[in-house]
Amino acid sequence: MRVVLVWFTLFKRAFSMPIFIDSLKTALFVGLLLNLINHGNEFLHVSDIHWSSILLNFIIPFCVSAYSGTRAAYRTCGLPPTRVK
């Protein structure tokens, strides 16, 4: 039961409006740069575009930013880091 409560609390904090907006901005900026670097030729020559790879270039930075924002919020509140055993 404690594990479910810990995960619920983490998701609730990660999807709070300030962290969500900051994570979205980071994901858009980093994802755009990654897509330009990794798929620039595909965009210019309109060749076969791998949409799953493009989508992952936005999802991964969002998850990393939301995770680090959540951890930082817990540290500034003085709460111990959550470790699920």
N, C-alpha and C. Protein backbone atom coordinates (compact mmCIF):
# COMPACT_ATOMS: atom_id res chain seq x y z
N MET A 1 0.82 -1.19 0.00
CA MET A 1 0.00 0.00 0.00
C MET A 1 0.87 1.26 0.00
N ARG A 2 1.98 1.20 0.74
CA ARG A 2 2.87 2.35 0.81
C ARG A 2 3.48 2.66 -0.55
N VAL A 3 3.78 1.63 -1.31
CA VAL A 3 4.37 1.83 -2.64
C VAL A 3 3.40 2.59 -3.53
N VAL A 4 2.13 2.24 -3.48
CA VAL A 4 1.13 2.92 -4.30
C VAL A 4 1.01 4.38 -3.87
N LEU A 5 1.05 4.63 -2.58
CA LEU A 5 0.96 6.00 -2.08
C LEU A 5 2.17 6.83 -2.52
N VAL A 6 3.35 6.23 -2.48
CA VAL A 6 4.56 6.95 -2.90
C VAL A 6 4.48 7.30 -4.38
N TRP A 7 4.10 6.34 -5.22
CA TRP A 7 3.99 6.61 -6.66
C TRP A 7 2.90 7.62 -6.96
N PHE A 8 1.79 7.55 -6.26
CA PHE A 8 0.71 8.52 -6.46
C PHE A 8 1.19 9.92 -6.12
N THR A 9 1.91 10.04 -5.01
CA THR A 9 2.43 11.34 -4.60
C THR A 9 3.44 11.89 -5.61
N LEU A 10 4.30 11.02 -6.12
CA LEU A 10 5.28 11.45 -7.12
C LEU A 10 4.60 11.93 -8.40
N PHE A 11 3.62 11.18 -8.89
CA PHE A 11 2.93 11.59 -10.11
C PHE A 11 2.12 12.86 -9.89
N LYS A 12 1.53 12.99 -8.72
CA LYS A 12 0.77 14.20 -8.42
C LYS A 12 1.69 15.42 -8.43
N ARG A 13 2.88 15.28 -7.85
CA ARG A 13 3.83 16.39 -7.83
C ARG A 13 4.41 16.64 -9.22
N ALA A 14 4.71 15.57 -9.96
CA ALA A 14 5.32 15.72 -11.29
C ALA A 14 4.37 16.40 -12.27
N PHE A 15 3.07 16.17 -12.11
CA PHE A 15 2.11 16.77 -13.02
C PHE A 15 1.41 17.98 -12.42
N SER A 16 2.03 18.56 -11.38
CA SER A 16 1.53 19.84 -10.90
C SER A 16 1.85 20.88 -11.97
N MET A 17 1.09 21.93 -12.02
CA MET A 17 1.17 22.87 -13.13
C MET A 17 2.56 23.48 -13.33
N PRO A 18 3.25 23.96 -12.28
CA PRO A 18 4.58 24.56 -12.54
C PRO A 18 5.59 23.57 -13.11
N ILE A 19 5.64 22.38 -12.55
CA ILE A 19 6.60 21.38 -13.04
C ILE A 19 6.19 20.91 -14.43
N PHE A 20 4.91 20.73 -14.66
CA PHE A 20 4.44 20.28 -15.96
C PHE A 20 4.78 21.29 -17.06
N ILE A 21 4.54 22.57 -16.81
CA ILE A 21 4.81 23.62 -17.80
C ILE A 21 6.32 23.71 -18.08
N ASP A 22 7.13 23.69 -17.01
CA ASP A 22 8.58 23.74 -17.21
C ASP A 22 9.08 22.53 -17.98
N SER A 23 8.55 21.36 -17.66
CA SER A 23 8.95 20.13 -18.36
C SER A 23 8.53 20.18 -19.82
N LEU A 24 7.37 20.72 -20.08
CA LEU A 24 6.89 20.83 -21.46
C LEU A 24 7.78 21.78 -22.27
N LYS A 25 8.15 22.91 -21.69
CA LYS A 25 9.04 23.85 -22.37
C LYS A 25 10.39 23.20 -22.67
N THR A 26 10.93 22.50 -21.68
CA THR A 26 12.21 21.82 -21.86
C THR A 26 12.12 20.76 -22.94
N ALA A 27 11.04 19.98 -22.92
CA ALA A 27 10.87 18.91 -23.91
C ALA A 27 10.74 19.47 -25.31
N LEU A 28 10.03 20.57 -25.47
CA LEU A 28 9.88 21.17 -26.80
C LEU A 28 11.22 21.69 -27.32
N PHE A 29 11.97 22.36 -26.47
CA PHE A 29 13.25 22.91 -26.90
C PHE A 29 14.27 21.80 -27.20
N VAL A 30 14.46 20.89 -26.24
CA VAL A 30 15.45 19.83 -26.41
C VAL A 30 15.01 18.87 -27.52
N GLY A 31 13.72 18.54 -27.56
CA GLY A 31 13.22 17.63 -28.59
C GLY A 31 13.40 18.19 -29.98
N LEU A 32 13.15 19.48 -30.13
CA LEU A 32 13.34 20.13 -31.43
C LEU A 32 14.81 20.08 -31.86
N LEU A 33 15.71 20.38 -30.92
CA LEU A 33 17.13 20.32 -31.24
C LEU A 33 17.56 18.90 -31.60
N LEU A 34 17.13 17.93 -30.81
CA LEU A 34 17.49 16.54 -31.10
C LEU A 34 16.96 16.09 -32.45
N ASN A 35 15.73 16.49 -32.77
CA ASN A 35 15.16 16.09 -34.06
C ASN A 35 15.88 16.76 -35.22
N LEU A 36 16.29 18.00 -35.06
CA LEU A 36 17.04 18.67 -36.12
C LEU A 36 18.40 18.02 -36.32
N ILE A 37 19.04 17.62 -35.22
CA ILE A 37 20.35 16.98 -35.32
C ILE A 37 20.21 15.57 -35.90
N ASN A 38 19.26 14.80 -35.39
CA ASN A 38 19.16 13.39 -35.78
C ASN A 38 18.42 13.16 -37.08
N HIS A 39 17.47 14.03 -37.41
CA HIS A 39 16.61 13.78 -38.58
C HIS A 39 16.59 14.97 -39.54
N GLY A 40 17.60 15.80 -39.52
CA GLY A 40 17.62 16.98 -40.37
C GLY A 40 17.52 16.66 -41.85
N ASN A 41 18.25 15.65 -42.30
CA ASN A 41 18.20 15.28 -43.72
C ASN A 41 16.84 14.74 -44.12
N GLU A 42 16.22 14.00 -43.23
CA GLU A 42 14.89 13.46 -43.53
C GLU A 42 13.87 14.59 -43.70
N PHE A 43 14.00 15.63 -42.89
CA PHE A 43 13.08 16.75 -43.01
C PHE A 43 13.33 17.56 -44.29
N LEU A 44 14.60 17.76 -44.62
CA LEU A 44 14.93 18.56 -45.79
C LEU A 44 14.58 17.86 -47.10
N HIS A 45 14.82 16.57 -47.16
CA HIS A 45 14.59 15.82 -48.39
C HIS A 45 13.25 15.09 -48.39
N VAL A 46 12.47 15.25 -47.35
CA VAL A 46 11.16 14.64 -47.20
C VAL A 46 11.23 13.14 -47.54
N SER A 47 12.20 12.49 -46.93
CA SER A 47 12.32 11.05 -47.13
C SER A 47 11.49 10.34 -46.05
N ASP A 48 11.72 9.06 -45.92
CA ASP A 48 10.95 8.25 -44.96
C ASP A 48 11.22 8.74 -43.53
N ILE A 49 10.21 9.28 -42.89
CA ILE A 49 10.35 9.83 -41.54
C ILE A 49 9.91 8.79 -40.53
N HIS A 50 10.75 8.58 -39.52
CA HIS A 50 10.45 7.62 -38.45
C HIS A 50 9.76 8.37 -37.30
N TRP A 51 8.44 8.32 -37.29
CA TRP A 51 7.66 9.11 -36.32
C TRP A 51 7.86 8.65 -34.89
N SER A 52 8.10 7.36 -34.69
CA SER A 52 8.30 6.88 -33.32
C SER A 52 9.58 7.47 -32.73
N SER A 53 10.62 7.56 -33.52
CA SER A 53 11.88 8.15 -33.06
C SER A 53 11.72 9.64 -32.78
N ILE A 54 10.97 10.31 -33.62
CA ILE A 54 10.72 11.74 -33.43
C ILE A 54 9.93 11.97 -32.14
N LEU A 55 8.94 11.15 -31.91
CA LEU A 55 8.13 11.27 -30.70
C LEU A 55 8.96 11.00 -29.44
N LEU A 56 9.83 10.00 -29.51
CA LEU A 56 10.69 9.71 -28.36
C LEU A 56 11.64 10.86 -28.05
N ASN A 57 12.05 11.60 -29.06
CA ASN A 57 12.93 12.74 -28.84
C ASN A 57 12.23 13.85 -28.06
N PHE A 58 10.92 13.82 -27.96
CA PHE A 58 10.19 14.78 -27.12
C PHE A 58 9.80 14.16 -25.78
N ILE A 59 9.46 12.88 -25.76
CA ILE A 59 8.98 12.24 -24.54
C ILE A 59 10.10 12.09 -23.51
N ILE A 60 11.28 11.65 -23.95
CA ILE A 60 12.37 11.41 -23.01
C ILE A 60 12.81 12.70 -22.30
N PRO A 61 13.03 13.82 -22.99
CA PRO A 61 13.37 15.05 -22.24
C PRO A 61 12.25 15.49 -21.29
N PHE A 62 10.99 15.26 -21.67
CA PHE A 62 9.89 15.61 -20.76
C PHE A 62 9.98 14.80 -19.48
N CYS A 63 10.19 13.50 -19.61
CA CYS A 63 10.26 12.62 -18.44
C CYS A 63 11.45 12.98 -17.55
N VAL A 64 12.59 13.24 -18.14
CA VAL A 64 13.78 13.61 -17.36
C VAL A 64 13.56 14.93 -16.64
N SER A 65 12.97 15.89 -17.32
CA SER A 65 12.73 17.19 -16.71
C SER A 65 11.68 17.10 -15.59
N ALA A 66 10.63 16.34 -15.82
CA ALA A 66 9.61 16.17 -14.78
C ALA A 66 10.18 15.45 -13.56
N TYR A 67 11.01 14.46 -13.81
CA TYR A 67 11.64 13.73 -12.70
C TYR A 67 12.56 14.64 -11.89
N SER A 68 13.42 15.39 -12.58
CA SER A 68 14.35 16.25 -11.85
C SER A 68 13.62 17.40 -11.16
N GLY A 69 12.56 17.91 -11.78
CA GLY A 69 11.77 18.94 -11.12
C GLY A 69 11.07 18.44 -9.87
N THR A 70 10.58 17.22 -9.93
CA THR A 70 9.93 16.61 -8.77
C THR A 70 10.93 16.38 -7.65
N ARG A 71 12.10 15.86 -8.00
CA ARG A 71 13.13 15.63 -6.99
C ARG A 71 13.58 16.96 -6.35
N ALA A 72 13.73 17.99 -7.17
CA ALA A 72 14.14 19.29 -6.64
C ALA A 72 13.06 19.86 -5.73
N ALA A 73 11.80 19.67 -6.09
CA ALA A 73 10.70 20.18 -5.25
C ALA A 73 10.70 19.48 -3.89
N TYR A 74 10.96 18.18 -3.90
CA TYR A 74 11.01 17.46 -2.62
C TYR A 74 12.20 17.90 -1.79
N ARG A 75 13.32 18.16 -2.42
CA ARG A 75 14.51 18.57 -1.66
C ARG A 75 14.34 19.96 -1.06
N THR A 76 13.69 20.87 -1.79
CA THR A 76 13.50 22.21 -1.24
C THR A 76 12.46 22.23 -0.14
N CYS A 77 11.55 21.26 -0.14
CA CYS A 77 10.54 21.18 0.93
C CYS A 77 11.10 20.48 2.18
N GLY A 78 12.31 19.94 2.05
CA GLY A 78 12.90 19.26 3.21
C GLY A 78 12.44 17.83 3.35
N LEU A 79 11.77 17.31 2.35
CA LEU A 79 11.32 15.92 2.43
C LEU A 79 12.44 14.99 2.00
N PRO A 80 12.51 13.82 2.60
CA PRO A 80 13.56 12.89 2.19
C PRO A 80 13.28 12.35 0.81
N PRO A 81 14.32 11.97 0.07
CA PRO A 81 14.08 11.38 -1.25
C PRO A 81 13.32 10.06 -1.09
N THR A 82 12.42 9.82 -2.00
CA THR A 82 11.60 8.63 -1.90
C THR A 82 12.30 7.48 -2.61
N ARG A 83 12.46 6.42 -1.90
CA ARG A 83 13.05 5.21 -2.47
C ARG A 83 12.09 4.07 -2.17
N VAL A 84 11.66 3.42 -3.21
CA VAL A 84 10.72 2.32 -3.06
C VAL A 84 11.52 1.04 -2.97
N LYS A 85 11.33 0.31 -1.89
CA LYS A 85 12.06 -0.95 -1.70
C LYS A 85 11.19 -2.14 -1.99
